[in-house]
PDB file of N, CA and C in Angstrom:
ATOM      1  N   MET A   1      83.099 182.517 118.816  1.00  0.00           N
ATOM      2  CA  MET A   1      82.296 183.323 119.014  1.00  0.00           C
ATOM      3  C   MET A   1      81.475 183.216 120.611  1.00  0.00           C
ATOM      4  N   GLY A   2      81.612 184.264 121.280  1.00  0.00           N
ATOM      5  CA  GLY A   2      81.137 184.549 122.658  1.00  0.00           C
ATOM      6  C   GLY A   2      79.810 185.160 122.769  1.00  0.00           C
ATOM      7  N   MET A   3      78.643 184.913 123.625  1.00  0.00           N
ATOM      8  CA  MET A   3      77.689 185.258 123.850  1.00  0.00           C
ATOM      9  C   MET A   3      77.008 185.098 125.237  1.00  0.00           C
ATOM     10  N   ASN A   4      76.537 186.352 125.759  1.00  0.00           N
ATOM     11  CA  ASN A   4      75.707 186.214 126.968  1.00  0.00           C
ATOM     12  C   ASN A   4      74.270 186.154 126.803  1.00  0.00           C
ATOM     13  N   VAL A   5      73.502 184.723 127.479  1.00  0.00           N
ATOM     14  CA  VAL A   5      72.499 184.834 127.414  1.00  0.00           C
ATOM     15  C   VAL A   5      71.839 184.775 128.448  1.00  0.00           C
ATOM     16  N   ASN A   6      70.407 185.659 128.960  1.00  0.00           N
ATOM     17  CA  ASN A   6      69.898 185.805 130.059  1.00  0.00           C
ATOM     18  C   ASN A   6      68.814 184.708 130.222  1.00  0.00           C
ATOM     19  N   LEU A   7      68.276 183.671 131.258  1.00  0.00           N
ATOM     20  CA  LEU A   7      67.988 182.988 131.538  1.00  0.00           C
ATOM     21  C   LEU A   7      66.527 182.949 132.784  1.00  0.00           C
ATOM     22  N   THR A   8      65.807 182.554 132.319  1.00  0.00           N
ATOM     23  CA  THR A   8      64.629 183.305 133.446  1.00  0.00           C
ATOM     24  C   THR A   8      65.356 182.220 134.928  1.00  0.00           C
ATOM     25  N   PRO A   9      64.578 182.363 136.095  1.00  0.00           N
ATOM     26  CA  PRO A   9      65.529 181.371 137.346  1.00  0.00           C
ATOM     27  C   PRO A   9      65.105 180.215 136.980  1.00  0.00           C
ATOM     28  N   GLN A  10      64.144 179.619 136.454  1.00  0.00           N
ATOM     29  CA  GLN A  10      63.642 178.014 136.302  1.00  0.00           C
ATOM     30  C   GLN A  10      64.496 177.447 135.069  1.00  0.00           C
ATOM     31  N   LEU A  11      64.976 178.081 134.279  1.00  0.00           N
ATOM     32  CA  LEU A  11      65.767 177.359 133.122  1.00  0.00           C
ATOM     33  C   LEU A  11      67.404 177.754 134.211  1.00  0.00           C
ATOM     34  N   GLU A  12      67.320 178.298 134.612  1.00  0.00           N
ATOM     35  CA  GLU A  12      68.918 178.347 135.464  1.00  0.00           C
ATOM     36  C   GLU A  12      68.925 177.477 136.259  1.00  0.00           C
ATOM     37  N   GLU A  13      68.206 177.412 137.016  1.00  0.00           N
ATOM     38  CA  GLU A  13      68.215 175.886 137.473  1.00  0.00           C
ATOM     39  C   GLU A  13      68.139 174.601 137.170  1.00  0.00           C
ATOM     40  N   LEU A  14      67.935 174.589 136.083  1.00  0.00           N
ATOM     41  CA  LEU A  14      67.588 173.399 135.128  1.00  0.00           C
ATOM     42  C   LEU A  14      69.170 173.143 135.040  1.00  0.00           C
ATOM     43  N   VAL A  15      69.642 174.382 134.062  1.00  0.00           N
ATOM     44  CA  VAL A  15      71.396 174.302 133.672  1.00  0.00           C
ATOM     45  C   VAL A  15      72.519 173.979 134.845  1.00  0.00           C
ATOM     46  N   ARG A  16      71.875 174.393 135.950  1.00  0.00           N
ATOM     47  CA  ARG A  16      72.908 174.147 136.898  1.00  0.00           C
ATOM     48  C   ARG A  16      72.618 172.408 137.605  1.00  0.00           C
ATOM     49  N   ALA A  17      71.481 172.278 137.692  1.00  0.00           N
ATOM     50  CA  ALA A  17      71.203 170.939 137.535  1.00  0.00           C
ATOM     51  C   ALA A  17      71.691 169.883 136.805  1.00  0.00           C
ATOM     52  N   LYS A  18      71.676 170.417 135.518  1.00  0.00           N
ATOM     53  CA  LYS A  18      72.376 169.347 134.742  1.00  0.00           C
ATOM     54  C   LYS A  18      74.057 169.197 134.668  1.00  0.00           C
ATOM     55  N   VAL A  19      75.013 170.451 135.283  1.00  0.00           N
ATOM     56  CA  VAL A  19      75.873 170.733 135.675  1.00  0.00           C
ATOM     57  C   VAL A  19      76.048 169.820 136.708  1.00  0.00           C
ATOM     58  N   ASP A  20      75.306 169.738 137.595  1.00  0.00           N
ATOM     59  CA  ASP A  20      75.294 169.482 139.365  1.00  0.00           C
ATOM     60  C   ASP A  20      75.676 167.620 139.108  1.00  0.00           C
ATOM     61  N   SER A  21      74.975 167.440 138.071  1.00  0.00           N
ATOM     62  CA  SER A  21      74.590 165.753 137.949  1.00  0.00           C
ATOM     63  C   SER A  21      75.620 165.243 137.446  1.00  0.00           C
ATOM     64  N   GLY A  22      76.584 166.173 137.093  1.00  0.00           N
ATOM     65  CA  GLY A  22      78.116 165.220 135.894  1.00  0.00           C
ATOM     66  C   GLY A  22      77.655 165.037 134.576  1.00  0.00           C
ATOM     67  N   MET A  23      76.456 165.124 134.354  1.00  0.00           N
ATOM     68  CA  MET A  23      76.371 164.996 132.601  1.00  0.00           C
ATOM     69  C   MET A  23      77.159 165.845 131.995  1.00  0.00           C
ATOM     70  N   TYR A  24      77.239 166.852 132.369  1.00  0.00           N
ATOM     71  CA  TYR A  24      77.601 168.075 131.824  1.00  0.00           C
ATOM     72  C   TYR A  24      78.715 168.721 132.408  1.00  0.00           C
ATOM     73  N   SER A  25      80.006 169.405 131.635  1.00  0.00           N
ATOM     74  CA  SER A  25      80.824 170.001 132.312  1.00  0.00           C
ATOM     75  C   SER A  25      80.594 171.236 132.628  1.00  0.00           C
ATOM     76  N   SER A  26      79.744 171.978 131.961  1.00  0.00           N
ATOM     77  CA  SER A  26      79.764 173.239 131.905  1.00  0.00           C
ATOM     78  C   SER A  26      78.307 173.650 131.288  1.00  0.00           C
ATOM     79  N   ALA A  27      77.460 175.191 131.882  1.00  0.00           N
ATOM     80  CA  ALA A  27      76.873 175.339 131.393  1.00  0.00           C
ATOM     81  C   ALA A  27      76.766 175.705 129.881  1.00  0.00           C
ATOM     82  N   SER A  28      77.502 175.920 129.216  1.00  0.00           N
ATOM     83  CA  SER A  28      77.932 176.035 127.828  1.00  0.00           C
ATOM     84  C   SER A  28      77.593 174.713 127.534  1.00  0.00           C
ATOM     85  N   GLU A  29      77.734 173.410 127.831  1.00  0.00           N
ATOM     86  CA  GLU A  29      77.731 172.148 127.302  1.00  0.00           C
ATOM     87  C   GLU A  29      76.254 172.025 127.088  1.00  0.00           C
ATOM     88  N   VAL A  30      75.674 172.500 128.286  1.00  0.00           N
ATOM     89  CA  VAL A  30      74.322 172.187 128.367  1.00  0.00           C
ATOM     90  C   VAL A  30      73.337 172.812 127.676  1.00  0.00           C
ATOM     91  N   VAL A  31      73.814 173.910 127.200  1.00  0.00           N
ATOM     92  CA  VAL A  31      73.413 174.945 125.765  1.00  0.00           C
ATOM     93  C   VAL A  31      73.480 174.660 124.909  1.00  0.00           C
ATOM     94  N   ARG A  32      74.879 173.940 124.576  1.00  0.00           N
ATOM     95  CA  ARG A  32      75.182 173.658 123.262  1.00  0.00           C
ATOM     96  C   ARG A  32      73.912 172.217 123.003  1.00  0.00           C
ATOM     97  N   GLU A  33      74.002 171.295 123.917  1.00  0.00           N
ATOM     98  CA  GLU A  33      73.232 170.353 123.689  1.00  0.00           C
ATOM     99  C   GLU A  33      71.808 170.581 123.458  1.00  0.00           C
ATOM    100  N   ALA A  34      71.410 171.355 124.158  1.00  0.00           N
ATOM    101  CA  ALA A  34      70.015 171.798 124.213  1.00  0.00           C
ATOM    102  C   ALA A  34      69.972 172.200 122.770  1.00  0.00           C
ATOM    103  N   LEU A  35      70.818 173.306 122.050  1.00  0.00           N
ATOM    104  CA  LEU A  35      70.469 173.652 120.116  1.00  0.00           C
ATOM    105  C   LEU A  35      70.503 172.789 119.647  1.00  0.00           C
ATOM    106  N   ARG A  36      71.647 171.821 119.722  1.00  0.00           N
ATOM    107  CA  ARG A  36      72.032 170.825 119.139  1.00  0.00           C
ATOM    108  C   ARG A  36      70.158 169.782 118.767  1.00  0.00           C
ATOM    109  N   LEU A  37      69.466 169.819 119.892  1.00  0.00           N
ATOM    110  CA  LEU A  37      68.283 169.069 119.959  1.00  0.00           C
ATOM    111  C   LEU A  37      67.158 169.628 119.367  1.00  0.00           C
ATOM    112  N   MET A  38      67.516 171.392 119.905  1.00  0.00           N
ATOM    113  CA  MET A  38      66.254 172.151 119.098  1.00  0.00           C
ATOM    114  C   MET A  38      66.720 171.705 117.276  1.00  0.00           C
ATOM    115  N   ASP A  39      67.898 171.524 117.509  1.00  0.00           N
ATOM    116  CA  ASP A  39      67.742 171.803 115.622  1.00  0.00           C
ATOM    117  C   ASP A  39      67.544 170.409 114.901  1.00  0.00           C
ATOM    118  N   GLU A  40      67.527 169.340 115.878  1.00  0.00           N
ATOM    119  CA  GLU A  40      67.332 168.150 115.384  1.00  0.00           C
ATOM    120  C   GLU A  40      65.354 168.506 115.215  1.00  0.00           C
ATOM    121  N   GLN A  41      64.796 168.550 116.467  1.00  0.00           N
ATOM    122  CA  GLN A  41      63.747 168.922 116.520  1.00  0.00           C
ATOM    123  C   GLN A  41      62.997 169.574 115.243  1.00  0.00           C
ATOM    124  N   ASP A  42      63.551 170.364 115.081  1.00  0.00           N
ATOM    125  CA  ASP A  42      63.349 171.494 113.828  1.00  0.00           C
ATOM    126  C   ASP A  42      63.408 170.460 112.402  1.00  0.00           C
ATOM    127  N   ARG A  43      64.532 170.033 112.296  1.00  0.00           N
ATOM    128  CA  ARG A  43      64.890 169.497 111.323  1.00  0.00           C
ATOM    129  C   ARG A  43      63.969 168.179 110.712  1.00  0.00           C
ATOM    130  N   LEU A  44      63.278 167.391 111.970  1.00  0.00           N
ATOM    131  CA  LEU A  44      62.410 166.520 111.908  1.00  0.00           C
ATOM    132  C   LEU A  44      60.768 167.219 111.715  1.00  0.00           C
ATOM    133  N   ARG A  45      60.609 168.129 112.606  1.00  0.00           N
ATOM    134  CA  ARG A  45      59.278 168.897 111.930  1.00  0.00           C
ATOM    135  C   ARG A  45      58.983 169.305 110.670  1.00  0.00           C
ATOM    136  N   GLN A  46      60.365 169.695 110.123  1.00  0.00           N
ATOM    137  CA  GLN A  46      60.247 170.170 108.523  1.00  0.00           C
ATOM    138  C   GLN A  46      60.129 169.180 107.671  1.00  0.00           C
ATOM    139  N   ALA A  47      60.900 167.893 108.240  1.00  0.00           N
ATOM    140  CA  ALA A  47      60.471 166.750 107.060  1.00  0.00           C
ATOM    141  C   ALA A  47      59.232 166.057 107.381  1.00  0.00           C
ATOM    142  N   LYS A  48      58.503 166.002 108.397  1.00  0.00           N
ATOM    143  CA  LYS A  48      56.938 165.332 108.602  1.00  0.00           C
ATOM    144  C   LYS A  48      56.510 166.325 107.779  1.00  0.00           C
ATOM    145  N   LEU A  49      56.666 167.983 107.731  1.00  0.00           N
ATOM    146  CA  LEU A  49      55.391 169.068 107.481  1.00  0.00           C
ATOM    147  C   LEU A  49      56.068 168.458 105.874  1.00  0.00           C
ATOM    148  N   ASP A  50      57.074 168.324 105.299  1.00  0.00           N
ATOM    149  CA  ASP A  50      57.398 168.147 103.781  1.00  0.00           C
ATOM    150  C   ASP A  50      56.826 166.626 103.126  1.00  0.00           C
ATOM    151  N   GLU A  51      56.532 165.763 104.210  1.00  0.00           N
ATOM    152  CA  GLU A  51      55.748 164.326 103.816  1.00  0.00           C
ATOM    153  C   GLU A  51      54.325 164.858 103.820  1.00  0.00           C
ATOM    154  N   LEU A  52      53.610 166.047 104.909  1.00  0.00           N
ATOM    155  CA  LEU A  52      52.279 166.043 104.876  1.00  0.00           C
ATOM    156  C   LEU A  52      52.117 166.809 103.217  1.00  0.00           C
ATOM    157  N   ARG A  53      52.873 167.586 103.380  1.00  0.00           N
ATOM    158  CA  ARG A  53      52.952 168.505 101.632  1.00  0.00           C
ATOM    159  C   ARG A  53      52.096 167.168 100.423  1.00  0.00           C
ATOM    160  N   SER A  54      53.524 166.488 100.680  1.00  0.00           N
ATOM    161  CA  SER A  54      53.437 165.947  99.629  1.00  0.00           C
ATOM    162  C   SER A  54      52.263 165.237  99.705  1.00  0.00           C
ATOM    163  N   ALA A  55      51.877 164.640 100.623  1.00  0.00           N
ATOM    164  CA  ALA A  55      50.558 163.711 100.716  1.00  0.00           C
ATOM    165  C   ALA A  55      49.289 164.673 100.203  1.00  0.00           C
ATOM    166  N   VAL A  56      49.397 165.484 100.576  1.00  0.00           N
ATOM    167  CA  VAL A  56      48.336 166.579  99.981  1.00  0.00           C
ATOM    168  C   VAL A  56      48.687 166.364  98.669  1.00  0.00           C
ATOM    169  N   ARG A  57      49.628 166.832  98.420  1.00  0.00           N
ATOM    170  CA  ARG A  57      49.950 167.403  96.380  1.00  0.00           C
ATOM    171  C   ARG A  57      49.336 165.987  95.809  1.00  0.00           C
ATOM    172  N   GLU A  58      49.413 164.703  96.288  1.00  0.00           N
ATOM    173  CA  GLU A  58      49.025 163.272  95.622  1.00  0.00           C
ATOM    174  C   GLU A  58      47.785 162.980  95.898  1.00  0.00           C
ATOM    175  N   GLY A  59      47.432 163.609  96.927  1.00  0.00           N
ATOM    176  CA  GLY A  59      45.606 163.482  97.336  1.00  0.00           C
ATOM    177  C   GLY A  59      45.124 164.543  96.074  1.00  0.00           C
ATOM    178  N   LEU A  60      45.352 165.679  95.878  1.00  0.00           N
ATOM    179  CA  LEU A  60      45.365 166.516  94.953  1.00  0.00           C
ATOM    180  C   LEU A  60      44.918 165.888  93.299  1.00  0.00           C
ATOM    181  N   ALA A  61      46.171 165.208  93.513  1.00  0.00           N
ATOM    182  CA  ALA A  61      46.568 165.075  91.886  1.00  0.00           C
ATOM    183  C   ALA A  61      45.948 163.258  91.403  1.00  0.00           C
ATOM    184  N   SER A  62      45.034 163.025  92.640  1.00  0.00           N
ATOM    185  CA  SER A  62      44.343 161.717  92.674  1.00  0.00           C
ATOM    186  C   SER A  62      43.055 161.575  91.662  1.00  0.00           C
ATOM    187  N   GLY A  63      42.461 162.927  91.676  1.00  0.00           N
ATOM    188  CA  GLY A  63      41.197 163.601  90.874  1.00  0.00           C
ATOM    189  C   GLY A  63      40.558 163.445  91.681  1.00  0.00           C
ATOM    190  N   ALA A  64      38.968 163.519  91.638  1.00  0.00           N
ATOM    191  CA  ALA A  64      37.789 164.115  92.651  1.00  0.00           C
ATOM    192  C   ALA A  64      37.356 162.962  93.459  1.00  0.00           C
ATOM    193  N   SER A  65      36.820 163.515  94.400  1.00  0.00           N
ATOM    194  CA  SER A  65      36.642 162.420  95.862  1.00  0.00           C
ATOM    195  C   SER A  65      35.871 161.564  95.133  1.00  0.00           C
ATOM    196  N   GLU A  66      34.934 160.408  95.553  1.00  0.00           N
ATOM    197  CA  GLU A  66      33.715 159.946  94.867  1.00  0.00           C
ATOM    198  C   GLU A  66      32.858 159.937  96.482  1.00  0.00           C
ATOM    199  N   PRO A  67      31.379 159.946  96.137  1.00  0.00           N
ATOM    200  CA  PRO A  67      30.823 159.637  97.409  1.00  0.00           C
ATOM    201  C   PRO A  67      30.729 158.336  98.406  1.00  0.00           C
ATOM    202  N   TRP A  68      30.768 158.186  99.214  1.00  0.00           N
ATOM    203  CA  TRP A  68      30.733 156.522 100.123  1.00  0.00           C
ATOM    204  C   TRP A  68      29.756 156.760 100.561  1.00  0.00           C
ATOM    205  N   ASP A  69      28.821 155.213 101.115  1.00  0.00           N
ATOM    206  CA  ASP A  69      28.098 155.523 102.011  1.00  0.00           C
ATOM    207  C   ASP A  69      28.578 154.235 103.186  1.00  0.00           C
ATOM    208  N   ALA A  70      28.165 154.916 104.535  1.00  0.00           N
ATOM    209  CA  ALA A  70      29.411 154.714 105.452  1.00  0.00           C
ATOM    210  C   ALA A  70      28.519 153.271 106.267  1.00  0.00           C
ATOM    211  N   LYS A  71      27.331 152.745 105.906  1.00  0.00           N
ATOM    212  CA  LYS A  71      26.592 151.843 106.000  1.00  0.00           C
ATOM    213  C   LYS A  71      26.944 150.372 104.963  1.00  0.00           C
ATOM    214  N   ASP A  72      27.314 150.968 103.872  1.00  0.00           N
ATOM    215  CA  ASP A  72      28.079 149.844 102.754  1.00  0.00           C
ATOM    216  C   ASP A  72      29.476 149.838 103.474  1.00  0.00           C
ATOM    217  N   VAL A  73      30.069 150.799 103.913  1.00  0.00           N
ATOM    218  CA  VAL A  73      31.621 150.247 104.067  1.00  0.00           C
ATOM    219  C   VAL A  73      31.186 149.236 105.475  1.00  0.00           C
ATOM    220  N   LYS A  74      30.335 149.539 106.615  1.00  0.00           N
ATOM    221  CA  LYS A  74      30.558 148.926 107.814  1.00  0.00           C
ATOM    222  C   LYS A  74      30.442 147.241 107.108  1.00  0.00           C
ATOM    223  N   GLU A  75      29.064 147.225 106.154  1.00  0.00           N
ATOM    224  CA  GLU A  75      28.956 145.810 105.930  1.00  0.00           C
ATOM    225  C   GLU A  75      29.984 145.075 105.283  1.00  0.00           C
ATOM    226  N   LYS A  76      30.465 145.976 104.730  1.00  0.00           N
ATOM    227  CA  LYS A  76      32.209 145.143 103.703  1.00  0.00           C
ATOM    228  C   LYS A  76      33.217 144.866 104.976  1.00  0.00           C
ATOM    229  N   ALA A  77      33.020 145.403 105.911  1.00  0.00           N
ATOM    230  CA  ALA A  77      34.251 145.046 106.991  1.00  0.00           C
ATOM    231  C   ALA A  77      33.110 144.270 107.878  1.00  0.00           C
ATOM    232  N   ARG A  78      32.368 144.543 108.427  1.00  0.00           N
ATOM    233  CA  ARG A  78      31.813 143.034 108.308  1.00  0.00           C
ATOM    234  C   ARG A  78      31.996 141.486 108.575  1.00  0.00           C
ATOM    235  N   ALA A  79      31.619 141.748 106.828  1.00  0.00           N
ATOM    236  CA  ALA A  79      31.677 140.472 106.080  1.00  0.00           C
ATOM    237  C   ALA A  79      33.316 140.041 106.182  1.00  0.00           C
ATOM    238  N   ARG A  80      34.224 141.230 105.990  1.00  0.00           N
ATOM    239  CA  ARG A  80      35.592 140.058 106.047  1.00  0.00           C
ATOM    240  C   ARG A  80      35.861 139.666 107.265  1.00  0.00           C
ATOM    241  N   ARG A  81      35.517 140.493 108.319  1.00  0.00           N
ATOM    242  CA  ARG A  81      35.539 140.239 109.689  1.00  0.00           C
ATOM    243  C   ARG A  81      34.869 138.673 109.809  1.00  0.00           C
ATOM    244  N   ALA A  82      33.967 138.679 109.672  1.00  0.00           N
ATOM    245  CA  ALA A  82      33.407 137.126 109.754  1.00  0.00           C
ATOM    246  C   ALA A  82      34.087 135.996 108.745  1.00  0.00           C
ATOM    247  N   ALA A  83      34.397 136.443 107.860  1.00  0.00           N
ATOM    248  CA  ALA A  83      34.889 135.401 106.733  1.00  0.00           C
ATOM    249  C   ALA A  83      36.583 134.723 107.351  1.00  0.00           C
ATOM    250  N   LYS A  84      37.030 136.008 108.122  1.00  0.00           N
ATOM    251  CA  LYS A  84      38.917 135.614 108.864  1.00  0.00           C
ATOM    252  C   LYS A  84      38.248 135.121 110.391  1.00  0.00           C
ATOM    253  N   ALA A  85      37.158 134.694 110.695  1.00  0.00           N
ATOM    254  CA  ALA A  85      37.087 134.342 112.101  1.00  0.00           C
ATOM    255  C   ALA A  85      36.716 132.610 111.860  1.00  0.00           C
ATOM    256  N   PRO A  86      37.405 131.897 113.448  1.00  0.00           N
ATOM    257  CA  PRO A  86      37.175 130.810 113.098  1.00  0.00           C
ATOM    258  C   PRO A  86      36.215 129.804 113.316  1.00  0.00           C
ATOM    259  N   ALA A  87      35.939 128.955 112.183  1.00  0.00           N
ATOM    260  CA  ALA A  87      34.936 128.296 112.888  1.00  0.00           C
ATOM    261  C   ALA A  87      34.483 127.620 114.104  1.00  0.00           C
ATOM    262  N   ALA A  88      33.611 127.795 114.731  1.00  0.00           N
ATOM    263  CA  ALA A  88      33.297 127.383 115.966  1.00  0.00           C
ATOM    264  C   ALA A  88      32.964 125.821 116.176  1.00  0.00           C
TER     265      ALA A  88
END
């Protein structure tokens, strides 16, 4: 299937530079690689979104949240850190 695509001057220069570098043999090859990378990025983004949605569902299913006290959390963390500290 043939297709004509209009590029901005900046993108056209980028394609030319890639071909001129010798990494690609044609503008079509550059565009195909760019589309493959875009497809891969889309799949990764979708996988991350699916993972986030799963985590949200898991959180919602875990029940109601419980109140917490920042001072208490800090005290417990400091106690744990002090217990790990080597004796001087």
